[in-house]
């Protein structure tokens, strides 16, 4: 009501809330859970729209798994759709239902998984790169290579981009790209061979693999102490420090045009 021009003091009194509480609520930063839920809702909206408003929560949940490697329970997807006012159509869908994941330069992320050898055992790192800017936007590390590793990396990217969206509302730099729909993901052949890619995931092309190779070359040059490392804890610390620096630099730099071939 206040955003539509009603005096904040009068509105607060009408609703029996304190005016200071209203301003504290307005300035409060959304929690990571709220940011994640908002971005998942955008993802669900996109899938539902691409289906011609035909997909129900089960089919939307399947698309989330197949397209992004995001595993949500049917109950969670149903709740997201209900809160967004979305419903599927009853009956069997035609086989020609729209396929997701349009591969345009500004609407795609590249996911790769790489193993780093240490004496106690390997450490796997999953990274999410923006196909247009070639920047790191999400990552995750673990001692086991599986789809959960990729899921954490993708959700880290989703959370980071949600924070960028919030920054866009306040006119901060590096935020405009977050206003675009959440992109589809393509997976490298290495991620697929390790069993980390969803069953129906799109495989990256030669250019995607070149972007990934250039990224890892940059990582090795930027590491404070290159491998071999004595154990997985040291490896994780060195990689996390480097990845975090890359991601902060990407946020500060802002969106860029796709690089020339």
Protein backbone atom coordinates (compact mmCIF):
# COMPACT_ATOMS: atom_id res chain seq x y z
CA UNK A 1 0.00 0.00 0.00
CA UNK A 2 2.83 2.39 0.84
CA UNK A 3 4.42 1.68 -2.56
CA UNK A 4 1.17 2.84 -4.20
CA UNK A 5 1.29 6.25 -2.52
CA UNK A 6 -0.52 5.66 0.78
CA UNK A 7 1.22 7.35 3.74
CA UNK A 8 3.36 4.79 5.54
CA UNK A 9 2.38 6.04 9.00
CA UNK A 10 -1.36 5.90 8.31
CA UNK A 11 -1.10 2.51 6.60
CA UNK A 12 0.89 1.05 9.50
CA UNK A 13 -1.69 2.32 11.98
CA UNK A 14 -4.52 0.87 9.88
CA UNK A 15 -2.87 -2.57 9.83
CA UNK A 16 -1.90 -2.32 13.51
CA UNK A 17 1.87 -2.63 12.88
CA UNK A 18 4.65 -0.28 13.91
CA UNK A 19 6.03 2.17 11.40
CA UNK A 20 9.60 1.36 12.46
CA UNK A 21 8.88 -2.34 11.93
CA UNK A 22 7.68 -1.59 8.40
CA UNK A 23 10.89 0.26 7.51
CA UNK A 24 13.01 -2.49 9.12
CA UNK A 25 11.17 -5.09 7.04
CA UNK A 26 11.63 -3.08 3.84
CA UNK A 27 15.41 -2.77 4.43
CA UNK A 28 15.90 -6.39 5.47
CA UNK A 29 18.04 -8.49 3.14
CA UNK A 30 16.24 -11.62 1.86
CA UNK A 31 17.57 -14.87 3.27
CA UNK A 32 19.42 -17.35 1.00
CA UNK A 33 16.36 -19.61 1.28
CA UNK A 34 14.08 -16.83 0.03
CA UNK A 35 16.45 -15.99 -2.83
CA UNK A 36 16.69 -19.64 -3.84
CA UNK A 37 12.90 -20.01 -3.75
CA UNK A 38 12.44 -16.89 -5.89
CA UNK A 39 14.84 -18.17 -8.53
CA UNK A 40 13.33 -21.65 -8.51
CA UNK A 41 9.95 -20.02 -9.08
CA UNK A 42 11.36 -18.16 -12.11
CA UNK A 43 12.72 -21.47 -13.38
CA UNK A 44 9.36 -23.19 -12.91
CA UNK A 45 7.55 -20.30 -14.61
CA UNK A 46 9.86 -20.56 -17.63
CA UNK A 47 9.33 -24.31 -18.03
CA UNK A 48 5.59 -23.94 -17.59
CA UNK A 49 5.44 -21.12 -20.15
CA UNK A 50 7.55 -23.04 -22.70
CA UNK A 51 5.16 -25.99 -22.41
CA UNK A 52 2.23 -23.79 -23.41
CA UNK A 53 0.93 -23.90 -19.81
CA UNK A 54 0.48 -27.66 -20.21
CA UNK A 55 2.99 -29.13 -17.75
CA UNK A 56 1.91 -30.07 -14.25
CA UNK A 57 4.20 -30.31 -11.25
CA UNK A 58 5.46 -33.82 -12.11
CA UNK A 59 6.50 -32.86 -15.64
CA UNK A 60 7.99 -29.58 -14.44
CA UNK A 61 10.00 -31.48 -11.83
CA UNK A 62 11.26 -33.85 -14.52
CA UNK A 63 12.35 -30.91 -16.68
CA UNK A 64 14.22 -29.41 -13.72
CA UNK A 65 16.13 -32.68 -13.34
CA UNK A 66 16.77 -33.28 -17.05
CA UNK A 67 17.64 -29.72 -18.00
CA UNK A 68 19.45 -28.37 -14.95
CA UNK A 69 20.25 -31.33 -12.73
CA UNK A 70 18.08 -29.81 -9.98
CA UNK A 71 16.30 -32.46 -7.93
CA UNK A 72 13.21 -31.26 -6.05
CA UNK A 73 10.45 -33.31 -4.51
CA UNK A 74 7.03 -33.31 -6.18
CA UNK A 75 5.66 -31.61 -3.07
CA UNK A 76 8.14 -28.71 -3.40
CA UNK A 77 7.45 -28.22 -7.13
CA UNK A 78 3.71 -28.36 -6.51
CA UNK A 79 4.03 -25.74 -3.75
CA UNK A 80 6.09 -23.44 -6.00
CA UNK A 81 3.53 -23.72 -8.79
CA UNK A 82 0.61 -23.16 -6.43
CA UNK A 83 2.23 -20.05 -4.96
CA UNK A 84 2.86 -18.73 -8.49
CA UNK A 85 -0.70 -19.46 -9.60
CA UNK A 86 0.40 -22.08 -12.15
CA UNK A 87 -1.53 -25.22 -13.10
CA UNK A 88 -0.98 -27.90 -15.73
CA UNK A 89 -3.58 -29.28 -18.12
CA UNK A 90 -5.11 -32.66 -17.48
CA UNK A 91 -4.57 -35.50 -19.94
CA UNK A 92 -1.64 -36.96 -21.84
CA UNK A 93 0.69 -34.42 -23.43
CA UNK A 94 1.54 -34.73 -27.12
CA UNK A 95 4.95 -36.08 -28.06
CA UNK A 96 5.74 -32.80 -29.78
CA UNK A 97 5.65 -30.74 -26.58
CA UNK A 98 8.18 -27.89 -26.70
CA UNK A 99 11.71 -28.89 -25.79
CA UNK A 100 13.53 -26.77 -23.23
CA UNK A 101 16.96 -25.27 -23.18
CA UNK A 102 17.19 -22.91 -26.13
CA UNK A 103 20.90 -22.58 -26.81
CA UNK A 104 21.36 -18.88 -27.43
CA UNK A 105 24.64 -17.18 -26.45
CA UNK A 106 23.15 -15.25 -23.54
CA UNK A 107 20.95 -18.02 -22.17
CA UNK A 108 23.29 -20.89 -21.42
CA UNK A 109 25.61 -22.07 -18.70
CA UNK A 110 28.42 -24.59 -19.19
CA UNK A 111 28.99 -27.19 -16.44
CA UNK A 112 32.24 -29.10 -16.04
CA UNK A 113 33.63 -31.49 -13.43
CA UNK A 114 37.34 -32.04 -12.92
CA UNK A 115 39.31 -34.35 -10.61
CA UNK A 116 42.37 -33.21 -8.67
CA UNK A 117 44.64 -35.96 -7.36
CA UNK A 118 45.99 -35.91 -3.80
CA UNK A 119 47.73 -38.72 -1.84
CA UNK A 120 44.64 -39.50 0.31
CA UNK A 121 42.32 -39.53 -2.71
CA UNK A 122 40.79 -37.34 -5.44
CA UNK A 123 38.94 -34.08 -4.96
CA UNK A 124 36.29 -33.27 -7.57
CA UNK A 125 35.39 -29.70 -8.50
CA UNK A 126 32.22 -28.80 -10.41
CA UNK A 127 32.12 -25.35 -12.01
CA UNK A 128 29.37 -23.38 -13.77
CA UNK A 129 30.54 -20.92 -16.43
CA UNK A 130 28.45 -18.35 -18.27
CA UNK A 131 28.64 -19.13 -22.00
CA UNK A 132 28.41 -15.47 -23.04
CA UNK A 133 30.95 -13.89 -20.69
CA UNK A 134 33.03 -17.05 -19.99
CA UNK A 135 32.95 -16.15 -16.28
CA UNK A 136 32.67 -18.41 -13.25
CA UNK A 137 29.32 -18.03 -11.48
CA UNK A 138 29.06 -21.17 -9.34
CA UNK A 139 31.12 -24.07 -8.04
CA UNK A 140 31.18 -26.98 -5.61
CA UNK A 141 33.81 -29.46 -4.38
CA UNK A 142 33.52 -32.97 -2.94
CA UNK A 143 35.41 -36.23 -2.56
CA UNK A 144 32.81 -37.98 -4.77
CA UNK A 145 31.75 -37.18 -8.32
CA UNK A 146 27.96 -37.44 -8.66
CA UNK A 147 24.95 -35.39 -9.68
CA UNK A 148 24.65 -33.96 -6.17
CA UNK A 149 28.02 -32.27 -6.74
CA UNK A 150 26.70 -30.60 -9.89
CA UNK A 151 23.40 -29.76 -8.20
CA UNK A 152 25.23 -27.81 -5.48
CA UNK A 153 27.28 -25.94 -8.09
CA UNK A 154 24.19 -24.99 -10.12
CA UNK A 155 22.31 -23.88 -7.00
CA UNK A 156 25.34 -21.79 -5.98
CA UNK A 157 25.11 -20.09 -9.38
CA UNK A 158 21.37 -19.58 -8.94
CA UNK A 159 21.90 -18.02 -5.50
CA UNK A 160 24.67 -15.76 -6.76
CA UNK A 161 22.58 -14.55 -9.70
CA UNK A 162 19.67 -13.94 -7.33
CA UNK A 163 21.95 -11.66 -5.30
CA UNK A 164 22.89 -9.87 -8.53
CA UNK A 165 19.21 -9.38 -9.30
CA UNK A 166 18.72 -7.74 -5.92
CA UNK A 167 21.72 -5.52 -6.62
CA UNK A 168 20.14 -4.49 -9.94
CA UNK A 169 17.15 -3.10 -8.08
CA UNK A 170 19.50 -0.84 -6.15
CA UNK A 171 21.47 0.31 -9.22
CA UNK A 172 24.66 -1.52 -8.31
CA UNK A 173 27.13 -2.42 -11.13
CA UNK A 174 27.30 -5.83 -12.72
CA UNK A 175 23.62 -6.61 -12.32
CA UNK A 176 21.79 -6.17 -15.62
CA UNK A 177 22.36 -9.71 -16.91
CA UNK A 178 20.50 -11.20 -13.97
CA UNK A 179 17.23 -9.79 -15.25
CA UNK A 180 17.31 -12.27 -18.16
CA UNK A 181 15.57 -15.66 -17.79
CA UNK A 182 17.57 -18.37 -16.09
CA UNK A 183 19.57 -20.14 -18.83
CA UNK A 184 19.72 -23.79 -19.75
CA UNK A 185 22.85 -25.85 -19.00
CA UNK A 186 25.13 -27.78 -21.30
CA UNK A 187 27.51 -30.35 -19.81
CA UNK A 188 31.02 -31.19 -20.94
CA UNK A 189 31.90 -34.69 -22.07
CA UNK A 190 34.04 -35.03 -18.93
CA UNK A 191 31.05 -34.32 -16.68
CA UNK A 192 29.07 -36.93 -18.60
CA UNK A 193 31.81 -39.57 -18.39
CA UNK A 194 31.97 -39.11 -14.61
CA UNK A 195 28.23 -39.69 -14.35
CA UNK A 196 27.52 -36.15 -13.14
CA UNK A 197 25.26 -34.96 -15.97
CA UNK A 198 21.48 -35.53 -16.00
CA UNK A 199 20.28 -38.35 -18.24
CA UNK A 200 18.93 -36.09 -20.98
CA UNK A 201 21.42 -33.27 -20.55
CA UNK A 202 22.71 -31.41 -23.57
CA UNK A 203 26.38 -31.99 -24.36
CA UNK A 204 28.52 -28.93 -24.96
CA UNK A 205 29.98 -28.28 -28.40
CA UNK A 206 33.61 -27.68 -29.38
CA UNK A 207 33.44 -24.01 -28.41
CA UNK A 208 32.07 -24.89 -24.97
CA UNK A 209 34.94 -27.30 -24.37
CA UNK A 210 37.42 -24.63 -25.49
CA UNK A 211 35.91 -22.18 -22.97
CA UNK A 212 36.29 -24.77 -20.21
CA UNK A 213 39.89 -25.54 -21.18
CA UNK A 214 40.79 -21.84 -21.15
CA UNK A 215 39.14 -21.45 -17.75
CA UNK A 216 41.17 -24.25 -16.16
CA UNK A 217 44.37 -22.85 -17.68
CA UNK A 218 43.56 -19.54 -15.99
CA UNK A 219 42.84 -21.31 -12.70
CA UNK A 220 46.20 -23.08 -12.71
CA UNK A 221 48.00 -19.81 -13.35
CA UNK A 222 46.08 -18.06 -10.56
CA UNK A 223 46.42 -20.72 -7.85
CA UNK A 224 48.53 -19.52 -4.89
CA UNK A 225 50.33 -22.88 -4.93
CA UNK A 226 49.70 -25.26 -7.84
CA UNK A 227 49.22 -29.02 -7.41
CA UNK A 228 50.25 -31.57 -6.32
CA UNK A 229 48.68 -30.90 -2.92
CA UNK A 230 49.27 -32.93 0.27
CA UNK A 231 45.60 -33.67 0.94
CA UNK A 232 42.04 -32.86 -0.10
CA UNK A 233 41.64 -30.17 2.58
CA UNK A 234 44.50 -28.12 1.14
CA UNK A 235 43.21 -28.69 -2.38
CA UNK A 236 39.72 -27.55 -1.44
CA UNK A 237 41.05 -24.46 0.35
CA UNK A 238 43.25 -23.40 -2.59
CA UNK A 239 40.53 -23.98 -5.17
CA UNK A 240 37.81 -22.26 -3.11
CA UNK A 241 39.99 -19.19 -2.57
CA UNK A 242 40.71 -18.92 -6.29
CA UNK A 243 37.11 -19.59 -7.35
CA UNK A 244 35.79 -17.03 -4.89
CA UNK A 245 38.16 -14.40 -6.26
CA UNK A 246 37.09 -15.15 -9.84
CA UNK A 247 33.40 -14.93 -8.93
CA UNK A 248 33.84 -11.60 -7.10
CA UNK A 249 35.72 -10.19 -10.09
CA UNK A 250 32.94 -11.34 -12.42
CA UNK A 251 30.32 -9.63 -10.24
CA UNK A 252 32.27 -6.37 -10.14
CA UNK A 253 32.95 -6.36 -13.89
CA UNK A 254 29.29 -6.59 -14.89
CA UNK A 255 27.79 -8.09 -18.07
CA UNK A 256 29.76 -8.18 -21.28
CA UNK A 257 28.97 -9.00 -24.88
CA UNK A 258 29.76 -12.50 -26.17
CA UNK A 259 33.42 -12.70 -27.23
CA UNK A 260 34.20 -12.57 -30.90
CA UNK A 261 35.02 -15.98 -32.46
